[in-house]
Amino acid sequence: MDLYHFTAIPMLHSILASEGLREGYLTLYDGTILYNKVWLTTSPLPYGHGLCNGTEKLSESEKSFMRRVGNISESTSINGTHNKKLIRLKIDTEWIKSSTGFCSYKKLMRDLDR
């Protein structure tokens, strides 16, 4: 099974220059934010995932959320979103199997008693 991660051009450098896909977050229904969670999909196409395309106008609430999850200061301007449909990374599933910390969404929710 092939797995994919979609990202934007400005984010690609940090992915390639670091240890790869290690940063990300998942927001639970109760508002809890789980860091170091990366979204992967079996779909090779970027459609139907809710990915931003760079044209979205953010509300003040959305900007506040971005500051909170990204640890961004109030003085830093947030103008909009990046087009996360532009770059598709194919993930080596054998690498995932040998890496710690990766699990399915269902397993994560079971482990959290959700």
N, C-alpha and C. Protein backbone atom coordinates (compact mmCIF):
# COMPACT_ATOMS: atom_id res chain seq x y z
N MET A 1 0.84 -1.18 0.00
CA MET A 1 0.00 0.00 0.00
C MET A 1 0.89 1.24 0.00
N ASP A 2 0.59 2.18 -0.88
CA ASP A 2 1.33 3.43 -0.94
C ASP A 2 0.67 4.46 -0.03
N LEU A 3 1.49 5.25 0.64
CA LEU A 3 1.00 6.34 1.48
C LEU A 3 1.60 7.64 0.97
N TYR A 4 0.84 8.72 1.12
CA TYR A 4 1.26 10.02 0.61
C TYR A 4 1.05 11.09 1.68
N HIS A 5 1.87 12.15 1.55
CA HIS A 5 1.71 13.34 2.37
C HIS A 5 1.75 14.52 1.42
N PHE A 6 0.79 15.42 1.55
CA PHE A 6 0.74 16.61 0.72
C PHE A 6 1.23 17.80 1.53
N THR A 7 1.99 18.68 0.87
CA THR A 7 2.53 19.84 1.57
C THR A 7 2.71 21.00 0.60
N ALA A 8 3.10 22.14 1.12
CA ALA A 8 3.31 23.34 0.33
C ALA A 8 4.80 23.54 0.08
N ILE A 9 5.10 24.31 -0.95
CA ILE A 9 6.50 24.57 -1.31
C ILE A 9 7.29 25.15 -0.14
N PRO A 10 6.79 26.17 0.59
CA PRO A 10 7.58 26.71 1.70
C PRO A 10 7.89 25.69 2.80
N MET A 11 7.07 24.66 2.92
CA MET A 11 7.27 23.66 3.97
C MET A 11 8.18 22.52 3.52
N LEU A 12 8.36 22.38 2.22
CA LEU A 12 9.15 21.27 1.70
C LEU A 12 10.59 21.32 2.17
N HIS A 13 11.19 22.51 2.19
CA HIS A 13 12.60 22.61 2.60
C HIS A 13 12.81 22.08 4.01
N SER A 14 11.94 22.46 4.93
CA SER A 14 12.14 21.99 6.31
C SER A 14 11.94 20.48 6.42
N ILE A 15 11.07 19.92 5.60
CA ILE A 15 10.88 18.46 5.60
C ILE A 15 12.14 17.77 5.10
N LEU A 16 12.69 18.27 4.00
CA LEU A 16 13.86 17.63 3.40
C LEU A 16 15.14 17.90 4.19
N ALA A 17 15.24 19.06 4.84
CA ALA A 17 16.45 19.42 5.57
C ALA A 17 16.48 18.84 6.99
N SER A 18 15.35 18.34 7.46
CA SER A 18 15.30 17.79 8.82
C SER A 18 15.25 16.27 8.74
N GLU A 19 14.67 15.67 9.74
CA GLU A 19 14.54 14.22 9.76
C GLU A 19 13.30 13.76 9.01
N GLY A 20 12.75 14.62 8.19
CA GLY A 20 11.58 14.24 7.41
C GLY A 20 10.30 14.67 8.08
N LEU A 21 9.28 13.87 7.92
CA LEU A 21 7.95 14.19 8.43
C LEU A 21 7.88 13.87 9.92
N ARG A 22 8.18 14.85 10.73
CA ARG A 22 8.16 14.66 12.18
C ARG A 22 7.29 15.70 12.86
N GLU A 23 7.03 16.81 12.19
CA GLU A 23 6.27 17.88 12.81
C GLU A 23 4.88 17.93 12.21
N GLY A 24 3.96 18.25 13.00
CA GLY A 24 2.57 18.33 12.59
C GLY A 24 1.74 18.24 13.85
N TYR A 25 0.45 18.33 13.67
CA TYR A 25 -0.41 18.25 14.85
C TYR A 25 -1.76 17.69 14.45
N LEU A 26 -2.44 17.22 15.45
CA LEU A 26 -3.79 16.70 15.32
C LEU A 26 -4.61 17.33 16.42
N THR A 27 -5.71 17.97 16.06
CA THR A 27 -6.58 18.58 17.05
C THR A 27 -7.75 17.65 17.32
N LEU A 28 -7.92 17.26 18.56
CA LEU A 28 -9.03 16.39 18.95
C LEU A 28 -10.29 17.23 19.17
N TYR A 29 -11.44 16.55 19.21
CA TYR A 29 -12.72 17.25 19.35
C TYR A 29 -12.80 18.10 20.61
N ASP A 30 -12.11 17.69 21.67
CA ASP A 30 -12.18 18.47 22.91
C ASP A 30 -11.20 19.64 22.93
N GLY A 31 -10.49 19.86 21.81
CA GLY A 31 -9.55 20.97 21.72
C GLY A 31 -8.12 20.59 22.06
N THR A 32 -7.91 19.38 22.54
CA THR A 32 -6.56 18.92 22.83
C THR A 32 -5.76 18.87 21.54
N ILE A 33 -4.52 19.35 21.60
CA ILE A 33 -3.65 19.33 20.43
C ILE A 33 -2.55 18.31 20.67
N LEU A 34 -2.44 17.35 19.78
CA LEU A 34 -1.37 16.35 19.83
C LEU A 34 -0.30 16.76 18.82
N TYR A 35 0.88 17.03 19.30
CA TYR A 35 1.97 17.45 18.42
C TYR A 35 2.73 16.24 17.89
N ASN A 36 3.53 16.47 16.86
CA ASN A 36 4.34 15.44 16.21
C ASN A 36 3.48 14.34 15.61
N LYS A 37 2.34 14.73 15.07
CA LYS A 37 1.46 13.81 14.35
C LYS A 37 1.40 14.27 12.90
N VAL A 38 1.57 13.35 11.98
CA VAL A 38 1.62 13.68 10.56
C VAL A 38 0.47 12.98 9.85
N TRP A 39 -0.23 13.72 9.02
CA TRP A 39 -1.34 13.17 8.25
C TRP A 39 -0.82 12.49 6.99
N LEU A 40 -1.17 11.24 6.82
CA LEU A 40 -0.85 10.49 5.61
C LEU A 40 -2.15 9.98 5.01
N THR A 41 -2.13 9.73 3.72
CA THR A 41 -3.33 9.24 3.04
C THR A 41 -2.94 8.17 2.02
N THR A 42 -3.89 7.34 1.68
CA THR A 42 -3.67 6.35 0.62
C THR A 42 -4.05 6.92 -0.73
N SER A 43 -4.66 8.09 -0.76
CA SER A 43 -5.08 8.71 -2.01
C SER A 43 -3.92 9.45 -2.67
N PRO A 44 -3.63 9.15 -3.94
CA PRO A 44 -2.55 9.86 -4.63
C PRO A 44 -2.96 11.26 -5.10
N LEU A 45 -4.22 11.61 -4.92
CA LEU A 45 -4.71 12.91 -5.37
C LEU A 45 -4.99 13.81 -4.17
N PRO A 46 -4.77 15.12 -4.31
CA PRO A 46 -4.92 16.04 -3.18
C PRO A 46 -6.34 16.52 -2.93
N TYR A 47 -7.30 15.95 -3.62
CA TYR A 47 -8.67 16.44 -3.51
C TYR A 47 -9.47 15.65 -2.48
N GLY A 48 -10.38 16.34 -1.82
CA GLY A 48 -11.27 15.68 -0.87
C GLY A 48 -10.69 15.50 0.52
N HIS A 49 -9.54 16.11 0.79
CA HIS A 49 -8.91 15.98 2.11
C HIS A 49 -9.06 17.24 2.95
N GLY A 50 -9.60 18.30 2.36
CA GLY A 50 -9.71 19.57 3.08
C GLY A 50 -8.41 20.36 3.09
N LEU A 51 -7.51 20.05 2.17
CA LEU A 51 -6.24 20.77 2.11
C LEU A 51 -6.47 22.19 1.61
N CYS A 52 -5.75 23.13 2.20
CA CYS A 52 -5.87 24.51 1.74
C CYS A 52 -5.15 24.68 0.40
N ASN A 53 -5.61 25.67 -0.37
CA ASN A 53 -5.02 25.89 -1.70
C ASN A 53 -4.33 27.24 -1.81
N GLY A 54 -4.19 27.95 -0.71
CA GLY A 54 -3.47 29.21 -0.71
C GLY A 54 -4.34 30.43 -0.93
N THR A 55 -5.62 30.25 -1.20
CA THR A 55 -6.50 31.39 -1.46
C THR A 55 -7.41 31.71 -0.28
N GLU A 56 -7.38 30.89 0.74
CA GLU A 56 -8.29 31.06 1.88
C GLU A 56 -7.97 32.35 2.64
N LYS A 57 -9.02 33.02 3.06
CA LYS A 57 -8.90 34.18 3.95
C LYS A 57 -9.18 33.69 5.36
N LEU A 58 -8.25 33.94 6.25
CA LEU A 58 -8.37 33.44 7.62
C LEU A 58 -9.10 34.42 8.52
N SER A 59 -9.97 33.88 9.35
CA SER A 59 -10.65 34.69 10.37
C SER A 59 -9.66 34.93 11.51
N GLU A 60 -10.00 35.85 12.39
CA GLU A 60 -9.14 36.10 13.55
C GLU A 60 -9.04 34.85 14.43
N SER A 61 -10.12 34.09 14.52
CA SER A 61 -10.10 32.85 15.30
C SER A 61 -9.14 31.84 14.68
N GLU A 62 -9.15 31.73 13.36
CA GLU A 62 -8.23 30.80 12.68
C GLU A 62 -6.78 31.24 12.83
N LYS A 63 -6.54 32.55 12.77
CA LYS A 63 -5.18 33.07 12.97
C LYS A 63 -4.71 32.79 14.39
N SER A 64 -5.61 32.95 15.35
CA SER A 64 -5.28 32.67 16.75
C SER A 64 -4.92 31.20 16.92
N PHE A 65 -5.68 30.32 16.27
CA PHE A 65 -5.40 28.88 16.34
C PHE A 65 -4.02 28.59 15.72
N MET A 66 -3.72 29.20 14.58
CA MET A 66 -2.42 28.98 13.94
C MET A 66 -1.28 29.44 14.85
N ARG A 67 -1.47 30.55 15.53
CA ARG A 67 -0.45 31.03 16.46
C ARG A 67 -0.25 30.04 17.60
N ARG A 68 -1.37 29.50 18.08
CA ARG A 68 -1.29 28.56 19.22
C ARG A 68 -0.59 27.27 18.84
N VAL A 69 -0.98 26.65 17.73
CA VAL A 69 -0.39 25.36 17.37
C VAL A 69 1.02 25.52 16.81
N GLY A 70 1.30 26.68 16.21
CA GLY A 70 2.62 26.89 15.63
C GLY A 70 3.58 27.64 16.51
N ASN A 71 3.13 27.97 17.73
CA ASN A 71 3.96 28.74 18.67
C ASN A 71 4.47 30.02 17.99
N ILE A 72 3.55 30.75 17.37
CA ILE A 72 3.86 31.98 16.64
C ILE A 72 3.47 33.17 17.50
N SER A 73 4.35 34.15 17.61
CA SER A 73 4.08 35.30 18.46
C SER A 73 2.96 36.16 17.89
N GLU A 74 2.34 36.92 18.76
CA GLU A 74 1.24 37.82 18.36
C GLU A 74 1.73 38.89 17.39
N SER A 75 3.01 39.26 17.47
CA SER A 75 3.54 40.32 16.61
C SER A 75 3.83 39.84 15.19
N THR A 76 3.82 38.53 14.97
CA THR A 76 4.08 37.99 13.64
C THR A 76 2.80 38.00 12.82
N SER A 77 2.90 38.57 11.63
CA SER A 77 1.74 38.67 10.75
C SER A 77 1.42 37.32 10.12
N ILE A 78 0.15 36.97 10.10
CA ILE A 78 -0.33 35.78 9.40
C ILE A 78 -1.27 36.27 8.32
N ASN A 79 -0.85 36.13 7.07
CA ASN A 79 -1.62 36.70 5.98
C ASN A 79 -2.58 35.73 5.33
N GLY A 80 -2.26 34.47 5.32
CA GLY A 80 -3.12 33.50 4.65
C GLY A 80 -2.57 32.11 4.79
N THR A 81 -2.89 31.28 3.83
CA THR A 81 -2.47 29.88 3.87
C THR A 81 -1.52 29.58 2.72
N HIS A 82 -0.90 28.43 2.77
CA HIS A 82 -0.07 27.94 1.68
C HIS A 82 -0.89 26.93 0.88
N ASN A 83 -0.51 26.75 -0.37
CA ASN A 83 -1.18 25.75 -1.20
C ASN A 83 -0.57 24.38 -0.89
N LYS A 84 -1.26 23.60 -0.09
CA LYS A 84 -0.76 22.29 0.32
C LYS A 84 -1.11 21.19 -0.67
N LYS A 85 -1.64 21.58 -1.83
CA LYS A 85 -1.96 20.60 -2.86
C LYS A 85 -0.84 20.48 -3.89
N LEU A 86 0.20 21.33 -3.79
CA LEU A 86 1.22 21.38 -4.82
C LEU A 86 2.25 20.27 -4.76
N ILE A 87 2.63 19.84 -3.57
CA ILE A 87 3.71 18.86 -3.42
C ILE A 87 3.14 17.57 -2.84
N ARG A 88 3.40 16.47 -3.52
CA ARG A 88 2.98 15.15 -3.01
C ARG A 88 4.24 14.35 -2.73
N LEU A 89 4.36 13.90 -1.50
CA LEU A 89 5.48 13.05 -1.10
C LEU A 89 4.97 11.62 -0.97
N LYS A 90 5.64 10.71 -1.62
CA LYS A 90 5.29 9.30 -1.47
C LYS A 90 6.12 8.75 -0.32
N ILE A 91 5.48 8.08 0.60
CA ILE A 91 6.12 7.61 1.82
C ILE A 91 6.50 6.15 1.68
N ASP A 92 7.70 5.84 2.09
CA ASP A 92 8.20 4.47 2.07
C ASP A 92 7.56 3.72 3.25
N THR A 93 6.64 2.83 2.95
CA THR A 93 5.92 2.14 4.02
C THR A 93 6.83 1.22 4.83
N GLU A 94 7.88 0.71 4.23
CA GLU A 94 8.84 -0.10 5.00
C GLU A 94 9.55 0.76 6.03
N TRP A 95 9.86 2.00 5.67
CA TRP A 95 10.49 2.92 6.62
C TRP A 95 9.54 3.20 7.78
N ILE A 96 8.26 3.39 7.46
CA ILE A 96 7.29 3.65 8.53
C ILE A 96 7.23 2.48 9.50
N LYS A 97 7.22 1.27 8.97
CA LYS A 97 7.15 0.09 9.84
C LYS A 97 8.32 0.02 10.80
N SER A 98 9.49 0.52 10.37
CA SER A 98 10.67 0.45 11.22
C SER A 98 10.85 1.70 12.09
N SER A 99 10.01 2.70 11.91
CA SER A 99 10.12 3.94 12.67
C SER A 99 9.18 3.91 13.87
N THR A 100 9.63 4.50 14.95
CA THR A 100 8.77 4.58 16.13
C THR A 100 7.84 5.78 16.00
N GLY A 101 6.69 5.67 16.58
CA GLY A 101 5.78 6.80 16.63
C GLY A 101 4.71 6.83 15.57
N PHE A 102 4.86 6.07 14.50
CA PHE A 102 3.83 6.05 13.47
C PHE A 102 2.79 4.99 13.78
N CYS A 103 1.53 5.36 13.65
CA CYS A 103 0.45 4.40 13.84
C CYS A 103 -0.76 4.91 13.07
N SER A 104 -1.73 4.05 12.91
CA SER A 104 -2.95 4.46 12.22
C SER A 104 -3.76 5.38 13.13
N TYR A 105 -4.64 6.14 12.52
CA TYR A 105 -5.52 7.02 13.27
C TYR A 105 -6.39 6.21 14.23
N LYS A 106 -6.90 5.08 13.76
CA LYS A 106 -7.75 4.23 14.61
C LYS A 106 -6.98 3.74 15.83
N LYS A 107 -5.74 3.31 15.64
CA LYS A 107 -4.93 2.84 16.77
C LYS A 107 -4.66 3.98 17.74
N LEU A 108 -4.35 5.15 17.22
CA LEU A 108 -4.10 6.30 18.08
C LEU A 108 -5.32 6.61 18.94
N MET A 109 -6.49 6.61 18.34
CA MET A 109 -7.71 6.90 19.10
C MET A 109 -8.00 5.81 20.14
N ARG A 110 -7.74 4.55 19.79
CA ARG A 110 -7.90 3.47 20.78
C ARG A 110 -6.93 3.66 21.93
N ASP A 111 -5.68 4.00 21.62
CA ASP A 111 -4.67 4.20 22.66
C ASP A 111 -5.04 5.37 23.58
N LEU A 112 -5.75 6.35 23.05
CA LEU A 112 -6.16 7.51 23.84
C LEU A 112 -7.53 7.33 24.48
N ASP A 113 -8.11 6.13 24.32
CA ASP A 113 -9.46 5.84 24.83
C ASP A 113 -10.49 6.83 24.29
N ARG A 114 -10.42 7.11 23.00
CA ARG A 114 -11.36 8.04 22.35
C ARG A 114 -12.33 7.29 21.50
